Amino acid sequence: MSAKNKTIEEKMNELRDMAAWFESDEFSLTHASEKFEAASKLAKEIEHDLSEMENKVTVLKQSFEEA
């Protein structure tokens, strides 16, 4: 499943797993930069998704207030 098709919850769980890696026994400086970049990209996707959701809620709220 591509990142674009994942729900916000799935992305957040993936980000939690990435963050946990940094505190795990599997941590390695060799891969830390790569993992950090992937986590940063995922965090930006989540932020974008949440912003889109907020915009939709705002539009729906306005349509109910106008009715």
C-alpha atoms as a PDB file:
ATOM      1  CA  MET A   1       0.000   0.000   0.000  1.00  0.00           C
ATOM      2  CA  SER A   2       1.492   3.319  -0.997  1.00  0.00           C
ATOM      3  CA  ALA A   3       1.754   6.136   1.525  1.00  0.00           C
ATOM      4  CA  LYS A   4      -0.861   8.101  -0.444  1.00  0.00           C
ATOM      5  CA  ASN A   5      -3.488   5.386   0.125  1.00  0.00           C
ATOM      6  CA  LYS A   6      -2.856   4.990   3.856  1.00  0.00           C
ATOM      7  CA  THR A   7      -5.141   6.544   6.427  1.00  0.00           C
ATOM      8  CA  ILE A   8      -3.855   9.160   8.827  1.00  0.00           C
ATOM      9  CA  GLU A   9      -4.012   6.562  11.599  1.00  0.00           C
ATOM     10  CA  GLU A  10      -1.903   4.114   9.594  1.00  0.00           C
ATOM     11  CA  LYS A  11       0.646   6.824   8.845  1.00  0.00           C
ATOM     12  CA  MET A  12       0.787   7.849  12.508  1.00  0.00           C
ATOM     13  CA  ASN A  13       1.336   4.232  13.562  1.00  0.00           C
ATOM     14  CA  GLU A  14       4.132   3.957  11.012  1.00  0.00           C
ATOM     15  CA  LEU A  15       5.678   7.168  12.351  1.00  0.00           C
ATOM     16  CA  ARG A  16       5.461   5.825  15.929  1.00  0.00           C
ATOM     17  CA  ASP A  17       7.250   2.666  14.780  1.00  0.00           C
ATOM     18  CA  MET A  18       9.951   4.776  13.127  1.00  0.00           C
ATOM     19  CA  ALA A  19      10.404   6.822  16.301  1.00  0.00           C
ATOM     20  CA  ALA A  20      10.594   3.653  18.394  1.00  0.00           C
ATOM     21  CA  TRP A  21      13.415   2.389  16.158  1.00  0.00           C
ATOM     22  CA  PHE A  22      15.622   5.250  17.387  1.00  0.00           C
ATOM     23  CA  GLU A  23      15.267   3.935  20.951  1.00  0.00           C
ATOM     24  CA  SER A  24      15.534   0.261  20.067  1.00  0.00           C
ATOM     25  CA  ASP A  25      18.453  -2.138  20.083  1.00  0.00           C
ATOM     26  CA  GLU A  26      18.296  -2.089  16.269  1.00  0.00           C
ATOM     27  CA  PHE A  27      19.401   1.578  16.158  1.00  0.00           C
ATOM     28  CA  SER A  28      22.471   2.194  14.049  1.00  0.00           C
ATOM     29  CA  LEU A  29      24.184   5.460  13.204  1.00  0.00           C
ATOM     30  CA  THR A  30      24.685   4.156   9.683  1.00  0.00           C
ATOM     31  CA  HIS A  31      20.939   4.128   9.057  1.00  0.00           C
ATOM     32  CA  ALA A  32      19.879   6.951  11.390  1.00  0.00           C
ATOM     33  CA  SER A  33      20.011   9.714   8.780  1.00  0.00           C
ATOM     34  CA  GLU A  34      18.022   7.667   6.280  1.00  0.00           C
ATOM     35  CA  LYS A  35      15.402   6.747   8.896  1.00  0.00           C
ATOM     36  CA  PHE A  36      15.171  10.356  10.097  1.00  0.00           C
ATOM     37  CA  GLU A  37      14.575  11.621   6.551  1.00  0.00           C
ATOM     38  CA  ALA A  38      11.841   9.013   5.995  1.00  0.00           C
ATOM     39  CA  ALA A  39      10.193   9.915   9.315  1.00  0.00           C
ATOM     40  CA  SER A  40      10.391  13.618   8.490  1.00  0.00           C
ATOM     41  CA  LYS A  41       8.749  13.046   5.099  1.00  0.00           C
ATOM     42  CA  LEU A  42       6.000  10.967   6.701  1.00  0.00           C
ATOM     43  CA  ALA A  43       5.400  13.618   9.375  1.00  0.00           C
ATOM     44  CA  LYS A  44       4.964  16.235   6.632  1.00  0.00           C
ATOM     45  CA  GLU A  45       2.462  13.976   4.844  1.00  0.00           C
ATOM     46  CA  ILE A  46       0.501  13.579   8.084  1.00  0.00           C
ATOM     47  CA  GLU A  47       0.537  17.328   8.646  1.00  0.00           C
ATOM     48  CA  HIS A  48      -0.744  17.865   5.095  1.00  0.00           C
ATOM     49  CA  ASP A  49      -3.477  15.251   5.526  1.00  0.00           C
ATOM     50  CA  LEU A  50      -4.600  16.823   8.801  1.00  0.00           C
ATOM     51  CA  SER A  51      -4.665  20.260   7.199  1.00  0.00           C
ATOM     52  CA  GLU A  52      -6.850  18.947   4.366  1.00  0.00           C
ATOM     53  CA  MET A  53      -9.157  17.308   6.891  1.00  0.00           C
ATOM     54  CA  GLU A  54      -9.400  20.546   8.859  1.00  0.00           C
ATOM     55  CA  ASN A  55     -10.340  22.423   5.677  1.00  0.00           C
ATOM     56  CA  LYS A  56     -13.089  19.890   4.898  1.00  0.00           C
ATOM     57  CA  VAL A  57     -14.478  20.152   8.434  1.00  0.00           C
ATOM     58  CA  THR A  58     -14.462  23.949   8.190  1.00  0.00           C
ATOM     59  CA  VAL A  59     -16.384  23.847   4.906  1.00  0.00           C
ATOM     60  CA  LEU A  60     -18.905  21.375   6.321  1.00  0.00           C
ATOM     61  CA  LYS A  61     -19.328  23.465   9.454  1.00  0.00           C
ATOM     62  CA  GLN A  62     -19.968  26.579   7.372  1.00  0.00           C
ATOM     63  CA  SER A  63     -22.529  24.781   5.219  1.00  0.00           C
ATOM     64  CA  PHE A  64     -24.438  23.693   8.347  1.00  0.00           C
ATOM     65  CA  GLU A  65     -24.341  27.202   9.775  1.00  0.00           C
ATOM     66  CA  GLU A  66     -25.740  28.618   6.536  1.00  0.00           C
ATOM     67  CA  ALA A  67     -28.597  26.118   6.422  1.00  0.00           C
END
